[in-house]
Amino acid sequence: MAKKSKSVKLVRKPYSAADIKLLKAHSKSRTPVAKISKRMKRSEGSLRQKALKLGIGLGHQR
């Protein structure tokens, strides 16, 4: 018998205006991306992509 694998559906959490404001504040204060990631409960990649779209620098991109 073949096992059925459970498919995991990804749920994307949209960025609120407050999230964007917080991300810009952390960018300005040069907070490490790992700390921002833990505080906002988002992946580092997600934060970097959002920062790229907003045109702000995070981490080593400065």
N, C-alpha and C. Protein backbone atom coordinates (compact mmCIF):
# COMPACT_ATOMS: atom_id res chain seq x y z
N MET A 1 0.82 -1.19 0.00
CA MET A 1 0.00 0.00 0.00
C MET A 1 0.87 1.26 0.00
N ALA A 2 0.46 2.20 -0.78
CA ALA A 2 1.19 3.47 -0.85
C ALA A 2 0.68 4.41 0.23
N LYS A 3 1.61 5.11 0.85
CA LYS A 3 1.22 6.07 1.89
C LYS A 3 0.77 7.37 1.23
N LYS A 4 -0.23 7.96 1.79
CA LYS A 4 -0.67 9.28 1.31
C LYS A 4 0.10 10.34 2.08
N SER A 5 0.72 11.23 1.36
CA SER A 5 1.45 12.29 2.04
C SER A 5 0.52 13.48 2.24
N LYS A 6 0.66 14.08 3.39
CA LYS A 6 -0.16 15.25 3.69
C LYS A 6 0.44 16.45 2.98
N SER A 7 -0.38 17.20 2.31
CA SER A 7 0.12 18.40 1.67
C SER A 7 -0.06 19.57 2.63
N VAL A 8 0.99 20.33 2.78
CA VAL A 8 0.96 21.47 3.68
C VAL A 8 0.69 22.71 2.86
N LYS A 9 -0.36 23.42 3.22
CA LYS A 9 -0.72 24.63 2.50
C LYS A 9 -0.04 25.83 3.18
N LEU A 10 0.72 26.58 2.41
CA LEU A 10 1.38 27.76 2.95
C LEU A 10 0.38 28.90 3.08
N VAL A 11 0.42 29.56 4.20
CA VAL A 11 -0.44 30.70 4.43
C VAL A 11 0.46 31.92 4.52
N ARG A 12 0.29 32.83 3.61
CA ARG A 12 1.10 34.04 3.61
C ARG A 12 0.44 35.11 4.46
N LYS A 13 1.23 35.67 5.36
CA LYS A 13 0.73 36.69 6.27
C LYS A 13 1.01 38.05 5.64
N PRO A 14 -0.01 38.80 5.30
CA PRO A 14 0.23 40.10 4.66
C PRO A 14 0.89 41.10 5.61
N TYR A 15 1.63 42.03 5.04
CA TYR A 15 2.29 43.08 5.82
C TYR A 15 1.29 44.20 6.08
N SER A 16 1.12 44.56 7.33
CA SER A 16 0.25 45.68 7.68
C SER A 16 1.07 46.98 7.61
N ALA A 17 0.38 48.09 7.70
CA ALA A 17 1.07 49.39 7.69
C ALA A 17 2.01 49.49 8.89
N ALA A 18 1.60 48.93 10.02
CA ALA A 18 2.44 48.96 11.22
C ALA A 18 3.70 48.11 11.03
N ASP A 19 3.56 46.97 10.33
CA ASP A 19 4.72 46.12 10.04
C ASP A 19 5.73 46.86 9.18
N ILE A 20 5.24 47.56 8.18
CA ILE A 20 6.12 48.31 7.27
C ILE A 20 6.82 49.44 8.02
N LYS A 21 6.09 50.12 8.89
CA LYS A 21 6.66 51.20 9.69
C LYS A 21 7.77 50.67 10.60
N LEU A 22 7.52 49.51 11.21
CA LEU A 22 8.49 48.88 12.09
C LEU A 22 9.73 48.44 11.32
N LEU A 23 9.52 47.89 10.13
CA LEU A 23 10.64 47.45 9.29
C LEU A 23 11.52 48.65 8.89
N LYS A 24 10.90 49.76 8.54
CA LYS A 24 11.66 50.96 8.18
C LYS A 24 12.44 51.50 9.38
N ALA A 25 11.83 51.45 10.56
CA ALA A 25 12.51 51.91 11.78
C ALA A 25 13.73 51.04 12.08
N HIS A 26 13.58 49.73 11.93
CA HIS A 26 14.71 48.82 12.17
C HIS A 26 15.80 49.02 11.12
N SER A 27 15.41 49.32 9.91
CA SER A 27 16.39 49.56 8.85
C SER A 27 17.22 50.80 9.19
N LYS A 28 16.54 51.83 9.65
CA LYS A 28 17.22 53.08 9.98
C LYS A 28 18.17 52.91 11.17
N SER A 29 17.76 52.09 12.15
CA SER A 29 18.60 51.88 13.33
C SER A 29 19.62 50.76 13.14
N ARG A 30 19.63 50.17 11.94
CA ARG A 30 20.59 49.12 11.55
C ARG A 30 20.53 47.88 12.45
N THR A 31 19.34 47.47 12.81
CA THR A 31 19.15 46.26 13.59
C THR A 31 19.48 45.04 12.73
N PRO A 32 20.19 44.05 13.25
CA PRO A 32 20.49 42.84 12.47
C PRO A 32 19.20 42.13 12.03
N VAL A 33 19.23 41.56 10.83
CA VAL A 33 18.06 40.93 10.25
C VAL A 33 17.57 39.76 11.12
N ALA A 34 18.47 39.04 11.74
CA ALA A 34 18.08 37.92 12.59
C ALA A 34 17.20 38.38 13.76
N LYS A 35 17.54 39.52 14.36
CA LYS A 35 16.75 40.05 15.47
C LYS A 35 15.39 40.53 14.99
N ILE A 36 15.36 41.20 13.83
CA ILE A 36 14.09 41.67 13.27
C ILE A 36 13.19 40.47 12.98
N SER A 37 13.79 39.42 12.44
CA SER A 37 13.06 38.21 12.07
C SER A 37 12.37 37.60 13.29
N LYS A 38 13.08 37.50 14.39
CA LYS A 38 12.50 36.93 15.61
C LYS A 38 11.41 37.83 16.18
N ARG A 39 11.64 39.12 16.16
CA ARG A 39 10.67 40.06 16.72
C ARG A 39 9.38 40.11 15.92
N MET A 40 9.50 40.07 14.57
CA MET A 40 8.32 40.18 13.72
C MET A 40 7.70 38.82 13.37
N LYS A 41 8.37 37.74 13.79
CA LYS A 41 7.92 36.37 13.51
C LYS A 41 7.73 36.13 12.00
N ARG A 42 8.76 36.53 11.25
CA ARG A 42 8.81 36.32 9.80
C ARG A 42 10.20 35.82 9.44
N SER A 43 10.31 35.18 8.28
CA SER A 43 11.62 34.67 7.87
C SER A 43 12.51 35.82 7.41
N GLU A 44 13.82 35.59 7.46
CA GLU A 44 14.77 36.61 7.01
C GLU A 44 14.56 36.90 5.53
N GLY A 45 14.29 35.86 4.75
CA GLY A 45 14.06 36.03 3.32
C GLY A 45 12.86 36.89 3.03
N SER A 46 11.81 36.70 3.80
CA SER A 46 10.59 37.50 3.63
C SER A 46 10.88 38.97 3.91
N LEU A 47 11.63 39.22 4.99
CA LEU A 47 11.96 40.60 5.35
C LEU A 47 12.85 41.26 4.29
N ARG A 48 13.80 40.50 3.78
CA ARG A 48 14.70 41.04 2.76
C ARG A 48 13.95 41.38 1.47
N GLN A 49 13.01 40.49 1.09
CA GLN A 49 12.22 40.73 -0.13
C GLN A 49 11.34 41.96 0.04
N LYS A 50 10.72 42.12 1.20
CA LYS A 50 9.86 43.29 1.43
C LYS A 50 10.69 44.57 1.44
N ALA A 51 11.87 44.51 2.06
CA ALA A 51 12.76 45.68 2.09
C ALA A 51 13.20 46.05 0.68
N LEU A 52 13.46 45.04 -0.14
CA LEU A 52 13.87 45.28 -1.53
C LEU A 52 12.75 45.99 -2.29
N LYS A 53 11.51 45.53 -2.11
CA LYS A 53 10.36 46.15 -2.77
C LYS A 53 10.12 47.58 -2.30
N LEU A 54 10.40 47.82 -0.99
CA LEU A 54 10.23 49.16 -0.44
C LEU A 54 11.39 50.08 -0.77
N GLY A 55 12.50 49.50 -1.21
CA GLY A 55 13.67 50.30 -1.55
C GLY A 55 14.50 50.71 -0.35
N ILE A 56 14.42 49.93 0.73
CA ILE A 56 15.24 50.21 1.91
C ILE A 56 16.26 49.10 2.08
N GLY A 57 17.36 49.41 2.76
CA GLY A 57 18.42 48.44 2.94
C GLY A 57 18.28 47.68 4.24
N LEU A 58 18.61 46.40 4.19
CA LEU A 58 18.66 45.56 5.39
C LEU A 58 19.93 44.73 5.33
N GLY A 59 20.55 44.53 6.48
CA GLY A 59 21.68 43.61 6.57
C GLY A 59 22.86 44.01 5.72
N HIS A 60 23.37 43.04 4.93
CA HIS A 60 24.60 43.24 4.17
C HIS A 60 24.37 44.03 2.88
N GLN A 61 23.16 44.42 2.58
CA GLN A 61 22.88 45.12 1.32
C GLN A 61 23.22 46.61 1.38
N ARG A 62 23.84 47.05 2.46
CA ARG A 62 24.09 48.49 2.61
C ARG A 62 25.40 48.85 1.97
